[in-house]
Amino acid sequence: MEEVATKPTADTEEAIGTPRKRAAVRGRQDRSDKRQIADFFLLECARQLHMLAAEQDTTVQELIRDGLNFMFQKHSKPPIA
């Protein structure tokens, strides 16, 4: 007869000494008040953005923040990115 693997329960985890992961603690704590914004762009757009970041000695994230803040200001919103 074949033995079927089952998911460990709290009792079996305690018995074998494996700590349970807490679902409430996920991700980095310094990002707790932030949300990721993402989209898909053409490969050439991504390359150009990476090249610009390298030329400016900065990161892609910083360029995107600058672009978002510029757009916010253009539409009379506070630059909060």
PDB file of N, CA and C in Angstrom:
ATOM      1  N   MET A   1       0.838  -1.174   0.000  1.00  0.00           N
ATOM      2  CA  MET A   1       0.000   0.000   0.000  1.00  0.00           C
ATOM      3  C   MET A   1       0.892   1.250   0.000  1.00  0.00           C
ATOM      4  N   GLU A   2       0.565   2.258  -0.873  1.00  0.00           N
ATOM      5  CA  GLU A   2       1.354   3.492  -0.950  1.00  0.00           C
ATOM      6  C   GLU A   2       0.967   4.444   0.153  1.00  0.00           C
ATOM      7  N   GLU A   3       1.979   5.133   0.676  1.00  0.00           N
ATOM      8  CA  GLU A   3       1.731   6.122   1.707  1.00  0.00           C
ATOM      9  C   GLU A   3       1.532   7.479   1.041  1.00  0.00           C
ATOM     10  N   VAL A   4       0.471   8.178   1.399  1.00  0.00           N
ATOM     11  CA  VAL A   4       0.154   9.469   0.811  1.00  0.00           C
ATOM     12  C   VAL A   4       0.700  10.570   1.715  1.00  0.00           C
ATOM     13  N   ALA A   5       1.431  11.507   1.123  1.00  0.00           N
ATOM     14  CA  ALA A   5       1.977  12.623   1.898  1.00  0.00           C
ATOM     15  C   ALA A   5       0.853  13.557   2.293  1.00  0.00           C
ATOM     16  N   THR A   6       0.849  13.977   3.525  1.00  0.00           N
ATOM     17  CA  THR A   6      -0.166  14.909   4.001  1.00  0.00           C
ATOM     18  C   THR A   6       0.512  16.167   4.506  1.00  0.00           C
ATOM     19  N   LYS A   7      -0.245  17.228   4.535  1.00  0.00           N
ATOM     20  CA  LYS A   7       0.262  18.503   5.027  1.00  0.00           C
ATOM     21  C   LYS A   7       0.432  18.410   6.546  1.00  0.00           C
ATOM     22  N   PRO A   8       1.568  18.852   7.078  1.00  0.00           N
ATOM     23  CA  PRO A   8       1.775  18.781   8.527  1.00  0.00           C
ATOM     24  C   PRO A   8       0.772  19.653   9.266  1.00  0.00           C
ATOM     25  N   THR A   9       0.306  19.197  10.383  1.00  0.00           N
ATOM     26  CA  THR A   9      -0.593  19.977  11.229  1.00  0.00           C
ATOM     27  C   THR A   9       0.228  20.652  12.314  1.00  0.00           C
ATOM     28  N   ALA A  10      -0.425  21.485  13.095  1.00  0.00           N
ATOM     29  CA  ALA A  10       0.276  22.165  14.185  1.00  0.00           C
ATOM     30  C   ALA A  10       0.865  21.150  15.157  1.00  0.00           C
ATOM     31  N   ASP A  11       0.132  20.056  15.406  1.00  0.00           N
ATOM     32  CA  ASP A  11       0.625  19.028  16.333  1.00  0.00           C
ATOM     33  C   ASP A  11       1.895  18.367  15.805  1.00  0.00           C
ATOM     34  N   THR A  12       1.902  17.999  14.514  1.00  0.00           N
ATOM     35  CA  THR A  12       3.083  17.331  13.965  1.00  0.00           C
ATOM     36  C   THR A  12       4.242  18.290  13.846  1.00  0.00           C
ATOM     37  N   GLU A  13       3.989  19.567  13.553  1.00  0.00           N
ATOM     38  CA  GLU A  13       5.068  20.546  13.466  1.00  0.00           C
ATOM     39  C   GLU A  13       5.734  20.731  14.824  1.00  0.00           C
ATOM     40  N   GLU A  14       4.927  20.783  15.880  1.00  0.00           N
ATOM     41  CA  GLU A  14       5.489  20.931  17.211  1.00  0.00           C
ATOM     42  C   GLU A  14       6.286  19.689  17.590  1.00  0.00           C
ATOM     43  N   ALA A  15       5.793  18.540  17.178  1.00  0.00           N
ATOM     44  CA  ALA A  15       6.461  17.288  17.534  1.00  0.00           C
ATOM     45  C   ALA A  15       7.825  17.166  16.860  1.00  0.00           C
ATOM     46  N   ILE A  16       7.944  17.654  15.626  1.00  0.00           N
ATOM     47  CA  ILE A  16       9.228  17.530  14.928  1.00  0.00           C
ATOM     48  C   ILE A  16      10.077  18.790  15.033  1.00  0.00           C
ATOM     49  N   GLY A  17       9.553  19.805  15.708  1.00  0.00           N
ATOM     50  CA  GLY A  17      10.341  21.003  15.957  1.00  0.00           C
ATOM     51  C   GLY A  17      10.404  21.977  14.796  1.00  0.00           C
ATOM     52  N   THR A  18       9.516  21.879  13.829  1.00  0.00           N
ATOM     53  CA  THR A  18       9.494  22.802  12.697  1.00  0.00           C
ATOM     54  C   THR A  18       8.626  24.005  13.051  1.00  0.00           C
ATOM     55  N   PRO A  19       9.166  25.218  13.006  1.00  0.00           N
ATOM     56  CA  PRO A  19       8.344  26.380  13.349  1.00  0.00           C
ATOM     57  C   PRO A  19       7.321  26.674  12.256  1.00  0.00           C
ATOM     58  N   ARG A  20       6.152  27.088  12.667  1.00  0.00           N
ATOM     59  CA  ARG A  20       5.111  27.474  11.710  1.00  0.00           C
ATOM     60  C   ARG A  20       5.356  28.907  11.259  1.00  0.00           C
ATOM     61  N   LYS A  21       5.067  29.173   9.997  1.00  0.00           N
ATOM     62  CA  LYS A  21       5.174  30.533   9.492  1.00  0.00           C
ATOM     63  C   LYS A  21       3.917  31.293   9.903  1.00  0.00           C
ATOM     64  N   ARG A  22       4.095  32.506  10.301  1.00  0.00           N
ATOM     65  CA  ARG A  22       2.947  33.336  10.665  1.00  0.00           C
ATOM     66  C   ARG A  22       2.469  34.073   9.433  1.00  0.00           C
ATOM     67  N   ALA A  23       1.227  33.870   9.061  1.00  0.00           N
ATOM     68  CA  ALA A  23       0.662  34.493   7.868  1.00  0.00           C
ATOM     69  C   ALA A  23       0.566  36.009   8.021  1.00  0.00           C
ATOM     70  N   ALA A  24       0.418  36.481   9.244  1.00  0.00           N
ATOM     71  CA  ALA A  24       0.260  37.912   9.466  1.00  0.00           C
ATOM     72  C   ALA A  24       1.540  38.693   9.202  1.00  0.00           C
ATOM     73  N   VAL A  25       2.688  38.042   9.306  1.00  0.00           N
ATOM     74  CA  VAL A  25       3.956  38.726   9.097  1.00  0.00           C
ATOM     75  C   VAL A  25       4.479  38.341   7.718  1.00  0.00           C
ATOM     76  N   ARG A  26       4.158  39.171   6.738  1.00  0.00           N
ATOM     77  CA  ARG A  26       4.596  38.915   5.370  1.00  0.00           C
ATOM     78  C   ARG A  26       5.272  40.163   4.837  1.00  0.00           C
ATOM     79  N   GLY A  27       6.286  39.995   4.041  1.00  0.00           N
ATOM     80  CA  GLY A  27       6.954  41.120   3.406  1.00  0.00           C
ATOM     81  C   GLY A  27       7.824  41.897   4.362  1.00  0.00           C
ATOM     82  N   ARG A  28       8.420  42.945   3.828  1.00  0.00           N
ATOM     83  CA  ARG A  28       9.312  43.778   4.630  1.00  0.00           C
ATOM     84  C   ARG A  28       8.509  44.793   5.427  1.00  0.00           C
ATOM     85  N   GLN A  29       8.882  44.971   6.673  1.00  0.00           N
ATOM     86  CA  GLN A  29       8.154  45.883   7.546  1.00  0.00           C
ATOM     87  C   GLN A  29       8.271  47.336   7.096  1.00  0.00           C
ATOM     88  N   ASP A  30       9.384  47.710   6.430  1.00  0.00           N
ATOM     89  CA  ASP A  30       9.539  49.095   5.990  1.00  0.00           C
ATOM     90  C   ASP A  30       8.643  49.411   4.789  1.00  0.00           C
ATOM     91  N   ARG A  31       7.967  48.417   4.250  1.00  0.00           N
ATOM     92  CA  ARG A  31       7.046  48.638   3.130  1.00  0.00           C
ATOM     93  C   ARG A  31       5.587  48.513   3.562  1.00  0.00           C
ATOM     94  N   SER A  32       5.330  48.498   4.849  1.00  0.00           N
ATOM     95  CA  SER A  32       3.979  48.241   5.345  1.00  0.00           C
ATOM     96  C   SER A  32       2.968  49.301   4.915  1.00  0.00           C
ATOM     97  N   ASP A  33       3.401  50.543   4.738  1.00  0.00           N
ATOM     98  CA  ASP A  33       2.479  51.606   4.339  1.00  0.00           C
ATOM     99  C   ASP A  33       2.580  51.929   2.846  1.00  0.00           C
ATOM    100  N   LYS A  34       3.160  51.023   2.072  1.00  0.00           N
ATOM    101  CA  LYS A  34       3.355  51.261   0.646  1.00  0.00           C
ATOM    102  C   LYS A  34       2.638  50.190  -0.170  1.00  0.00           C
ATOM    103  N   ARG A  35       2.320  50.508  -1.425  1.00  0.00           N
ATOM    104  CA  ARG A  35       1.707  49.567  -2.350  1.00  0.00           C
ATOM    105  C   ARG A  35       2.484  49.583  -3.650  1.00  0.00           C
ATOM    106  N   GLN A  36       2.662  48.409  -4.233  1.00  0.00           N
ATOM    107  CA  GLN A  36       3.384  48.304  -5.495  1.00  0.00           C
ATOM    108  C   GLN A  36       2.460  48.688  -6.641  1.00  0.00           C
ATOM    109  N   ILE A  37       3.007  49.447  -7.589  1.00  0.00           N
ATOM    110  CA  ILE A  37       2.291  49.831  -8.802  1.00  0.00           C
ATOM    111  C   ILE A  37       3.110  49.294  -9.964  1.00  0.00           C
ATOM    112  N   ALA A  38       2.487  48.507 -10.811  1.00  0.00           N
ATOM    113  CA  ALA A  38       3.233  47.889 -11.907  1.00  0.00           C
ATOM    114  C   ALA A  38       2.390  47.857 -13.175  1.00  0.00           C
ATOM    115  N   ASP A  39       3.054  47.742 -14.292  1.00  0.00           N
ATOM    116  CA  ASP A  39       2.396  47.606 -15.591  1.00  0.00           C
ATOM    117  C   ASP A  39       3.382  46.948 -16.544  1.00  0.00           C
ATOM    118  N   PHE A  40       2.926  46.659 -17.735  1.00  0.00           N
ATOM    119  CA  PHE A  40       3.779  46.054 -18.747  1.00  0.00           C
ATOM    120  C   PHE A  40       4.060  47.076 -19.830  1.00  0.00           C
ATOM    121  N   PHE A  41       5.331  47.182 -20.221  1.00  0.00           N
ATOM    122  CA  PHE A  41       5.756  48.119 -21.240  1.00  0.00           C
ATOM    123  C   PHE A  41       6.566  47.380 -22.287  1.00  0.00           C
ATOM    124  N   LEU A  42       6.728  48.005 -23.428  1.00  0.00           N
ATOM    125  CA  LEU A  42       7.538  47.413 -24.485  1.00  0.00           C
ATOM    126  C   LEU A  42       8.968  47.209 -23.991  1.00  0.00           C
ATOM    127  N   LEU A  43       9.611  46.194 -24.516  1.00  0.00           N
ATOM    128  CA  LEU A  43      10.989  45.890 -24.149  1.00  0.00           C
ATOM    129  C   LEU A  43      11.897  47.094 -24.388  1.00  0.00           C
ATOM    130  N   GLU A  44      11.697  47.781 -25.495  1.00  0.00           N
ATOM    131  CA  GLU A  44      12.531  48.949 -25.811  1.00  0.00           C
ATOM    132  C   GLU A  44      12.350  50.062 -24.769  1.00  0.00           C
ATOM    133  N   CYS A  45      11.148  50.205 -24.247  1.00  0.00           N
ATOM    134  CA  CYS A  45      10.893  51.198 -23.193  1.00  0.00           C
ATOM    135  C   CYS A  45      11.682  50.837 -21.934  1.00  0.00           C
ATOM    136  N   ALA A  46      11.665  49.561 -21.560  1.00  0.00           N
ATOM    137  CA  ALA A  46      12.400  49.111 -20.374  1.00  0.00           C
ATOM    138  C   ALA A  46      13.899  49.318 -20.560  1.00  0.00           C
ATOM    139  N   ARG A  47      14.397  48.989 -21.743  1.00  0.00           N
ATOM    140  CA  ARG A  47      15.827  49.183 -22.018  1.00  0.00           C
ATOM    141  C   ARG A  47      16.211  50.652 -21.923  1.00  0.00           C
ATOM    142  N   GLN A  48      15.397  51.498 -22.514  1.00  0.00           N
ATOM    143  CA  GLN A  48      15.687  52.940 -22.499  1.00  0.00           C
ATOM    144  C   GLN A  48      15.663  53.473 -21.070  1.00  0.00           C
ATOM    145  N   LEU A  49      14.724  53.005 -20.273  1.00  0.00           N
ATOM    146  CA  LEU A  49      14.644  53.448 -18.888  1.00  0.00           C
ATOM    147  C   LEU A  49      15.879  53.000 -18.101  1.00  0.00           C
ATOM    148  N   HIS A  50      16.311  51.769 -18.315  1.00  0.00           N
ATOM    149  CA  HIS A  50      17.515  51.273 -17.643  1.00  0.00           C
ATOM    150  C   HIS A  50      18.766  52.029 -18.106  1.00  0.00           C
ATOM    151  N   MET A  51      18.839  52.339 -19.386  1.00  0.00           N
ATOM    152  CA  MET A  51      19.983  53.097 -19.904  1.00  0.00           C
ATOM    153  C   MET A  51      20.011  54.498 -19.307  1.00  0.00           C
ATOM    154  N   LEU A  52      18.845  55.138 -19.232  1.00  0.00           N
ATOM    155  CA  LEU A  52      18.767  56.475 -18.649  1.00  0.00           C
ATOM    156  C   LEU A  52      19.185  56.451 -17.176  1.00  0.00           C
ATOM    157  N   ALA A  53      18.738  55.436 -16.454  1.00  0.00           N
ATOM    158  CA  ALA A  53      19.124  55.318 -15.042  1.00  0.00           C
ATOM    159  C   ALA A  53      20.638  55.180 -14.913  1.00  0.00           C
ATOM    160  N   ALA A  54      21.242  54.380 -15.776  1.00  0.00           N
ATOM    161  CA  ALA A  54      22.697  54.212 -15.727  1.00  0.00           C
ATOM    162  C   ALA A  54      23.405  55.511 -16.082  1.00  0.00           C
ATOM    163  N   GLU A  55      22.935  56.203 -17.110  1.00  0.00           N
ATOM    164  CA  GLU A  55      23.543  57.472 -17.521  1.00  0.00           C
ATOM    165  C   GLU A  55      23.448  58.520 -16.421  1.00  0.00           C
ATOM    166  N   GLN A  56      22.346  58.519 -15.672  1.00  0.00           N
ATOM    167  CA  GLN A  56      22.118  59.496 -14.615  1.00  0.00           C
ATOM    168  C   GLN A  56      22.661  59.025 -13.254  1.00  0.00           C
ATOM    169  N   ASP A  57      23.249  57.823 -13.232  1.00  0.00           N
ATOM    170  CA  ASP A  57      23.761  57.226 -12.001  1.00  0.00           C
ATOM    171  C   ASP A  57      22.689  57.207 -10.911  1.00  0.00           C
ATOM    172  N   THR A  58      21.523  56.671 -11.267  1.00  0.00           N
ATOM    173  CA  THR A  58      20.402  56.558 -10.343  1.00  0.00           C
ATOM    174  C   THR A  58      19.708  55.222 -10.596  1.00  0.00           C
ATOM    175  N   THR A  59      18.568  55.039  -9.988  1.00  0.00           N
ATOM    176  CA  THR A  59      17.832  53.786 -10.161  1.00  0.00           C
ATOM    177  C   THR A  59      16.592  54.010 -11.014  1.00  0.00           C
ATOM    178  N   VAL A  60      16.082  52.927 -11.564  1.00  0.00           N
ATOM    179  CA  VAL A  60      14.831  52.987 -12.321  1.00  0.00           C
ATOM    180  C   VAL A  60      13.709  53.461 -11.401  1.00  0.00           C
ATOM    181  N   GLN A  61      13.706  52.977 -10.168  1.00  0.00           N
ATOM    182  CA  GLN A  61      12.669  53.372  -9.217  1.00  0.00           C
ATOM    183  C   GLN A  61      12.676  54.880  -8.977  1.00  0.00           C
ATOM    184  N   GLU A  62      13.859  55.455  -8.857  1.00  0.00           N
ATOM    185  CA  GLU A  62      13.949  56.899  -8.633  1.00  0.00           C
ATOM    186  C   GLU A  62      13.449  57.673  -9.848  1.00  0.00           C
ATOM    187  N   LEU A  63      13.765  57.208 -11.045  1.00  0.00           N
ATOM    188  CA  LEU A  63      13.259  57.858 -12.256  1.00  0.00           C
ATOM    189  C   LEU A  63      11.735  57.797 -12.309  1.00  0.00           C
ATOM    190  N   ILE A  64      11.171  56.655 -11.932  1.00  0.00           N
ATOM    191  CA  ILE A  64       9.712  56.521 -11.934  1.00  0.00           C
ATOM    192  C   ILE A  64       9.092  57.438 -10.888  1.00  0.00           C
ATOM    193  N   ARG A  65       9.714  57.522  -9.690  1.00  0.00           N
ATOM    194  CA  ARG A  65       9.225  58.450  -8.655  1.00  0.00           C
ATOM    195  C   ARG A  65       9.230  59.885  -9.174  1.00  0.00           C
ATOM    196  N   ASP A  66      10.338  60.275  -9.820  1.00  0.00           N
ATOM    197  CA  ASP A  66      10.423  61.629 -10.364  1.00  0.00           C
ATOM    198  C   ASP A  66       9.316  61.880 -11.390  1.00  0.00           C
ATOM    199  N   GLY A  67       9.094  60.884 -12.248  1.00  0.00           N
ATOM    200  CA  GLY A  67       8.054  61.017 -13.268  1.00  0.00           C
ATOM    201  C   GLY A  67       6.661  61.130 -12.668  1.00  0.00           C
ATOM    202  N   LEU A  68       6.392  60.339 -11.647  1.00  0.00           N
ATOM    203  CA  LEU A  68       5.084  60.414 -10.982  1.00  0.00           C
ATOM    204  C   LEU A  68       4.903  61.757 -10.293  1.00  0.00           C
ATOM    205  N   ASN A  69       5.939  62.219  -9.577  1.00  0.00           N
ATOM    206  CA  ASN A  69       5.835  63.514  -8.909  1.00  0.00           C
ATOM    207  C   ASN A  69       5.643  64.649  -9.913  1.00  0.00           C
ATOM    208  N   PHE A  70       6.328  64.572 -11.056  1.00  0.00           N
ATOM    209  CA  PHE A  70       6.150  65.568 -12.111  1.00  0.00           C
ATOM    210  C   PHE A  70       4.707  65.573 -12.603  1.00  0.00           C
ATOM    211  N   MET A  71       4.145  64.391 -12.827  1.00  0.00           N
ATOM    212  CA  MET A  71       2.757  64.297 -13.281  1.00  0.00           C
ATOM    213  C   MET A  71       1.801  64.837 -12.221  1.00  0.00           C
ATOM    214  N   PHE A  72       2.037  64.512 -10.945  1.00  0.00           N
ATOM    215  CA  PHE A  72       1.183  65.025  -9.881  1.00  0.00           C
ATOM    216  C   PHE A  72       1.199  66.550  -9.858  1.00  0.00           C
ATOM    217  N   GLN A  73       2.392  67.139  -9.933  1.00  0.00           N
ATOM    218  CA  GLN A  73       2.502  68.595  -9.924  1.00  0.00           C
ATOM    219  C   GLN A  73       1.807  69.208 -11.127  1.00  0.00           C
ATOM    220  N   LYS A  74       1.940  68.596 -12.280  1.00  0.00           N
ATOM    221  CA  LYS A  74       1.293  69.077 -13.503  1.00  0.00           C
ATOM    222  C   LYS A  74      -0.224  69.138 -13.327  1.00  0.00           C
ATOM    223  N   HIS A  75      -0.766  68.239 -12.529  1.00  0.00           N
ATOM    224  CA  HIS A  75      -2.217  68.177 -12.304  1.00  0.00           C
ATOM    225  C   HIS A  75      -2.597  68.760 -10.944  1.00  0.00           C
ATOM    226  N   SER A  76      -1.765  69.647 -10.440  1.00  0.00           N
ATOM    227  CA  SER A  76      -2.014  70.369  -9.178  1.00  0.00           C
ATOM    228  C   SER A  76      -2.216  69.458  -7.986  1.00  0.00           C
ATOM    229  N   LYS A  77      -1.437  68.407  -7.933  1.00  0.00           N
ATOM    230  CA  LYS A  77      -1.471  67.488  -6.790  1.00  0.00           C
ATOM    231  C   LYS A  77      -0.120  67.550  -6.087  1.00  0.00           C
ATOM    232  N   PRO A  78      -0.068  67.243  -4.803  1.00  0.00           N
ATOM    233  CA  PRO A  78       1.210  67.277  -4.094  1.00  0.00           C
ATOM    234  C   PRO A  78       2.135  66.162  -4.565  1.00  0.00           C
ATOM    235  N   PRO A  79       3.430  66.449  -4.680  1.00  0.00           N
ATOM    236  CA  PRO A  79       4.406  65.429  -5.079  1.00  0.00           C
ATOM    237  C   PRO A  79       4.685  64.478  -3.912  1.00  0.00           C
ATOM    238  N   ILE A  80       4.031  63.349  -3.880  1.00  0.00           N
ATOM    239  CA  ILE A  80       4.128  62.445  -2.719  1.00  0.00           C
ATOM    240  C   ILE A  80       4.757  61.094  -3.041  1.00  0.00           C
ATOM    241  N   ALA A  81       5.201  60.881  -4.272  1.00  0.00           N
ATOM    242  CA  ALA A  81       5.763  59.569  -4.630  1.00  0.00           C
ATOM    243  C   ALA A  81       7.148  59.402  -4.058  1.00  0.00           C
TER     244      ALA A  81
END
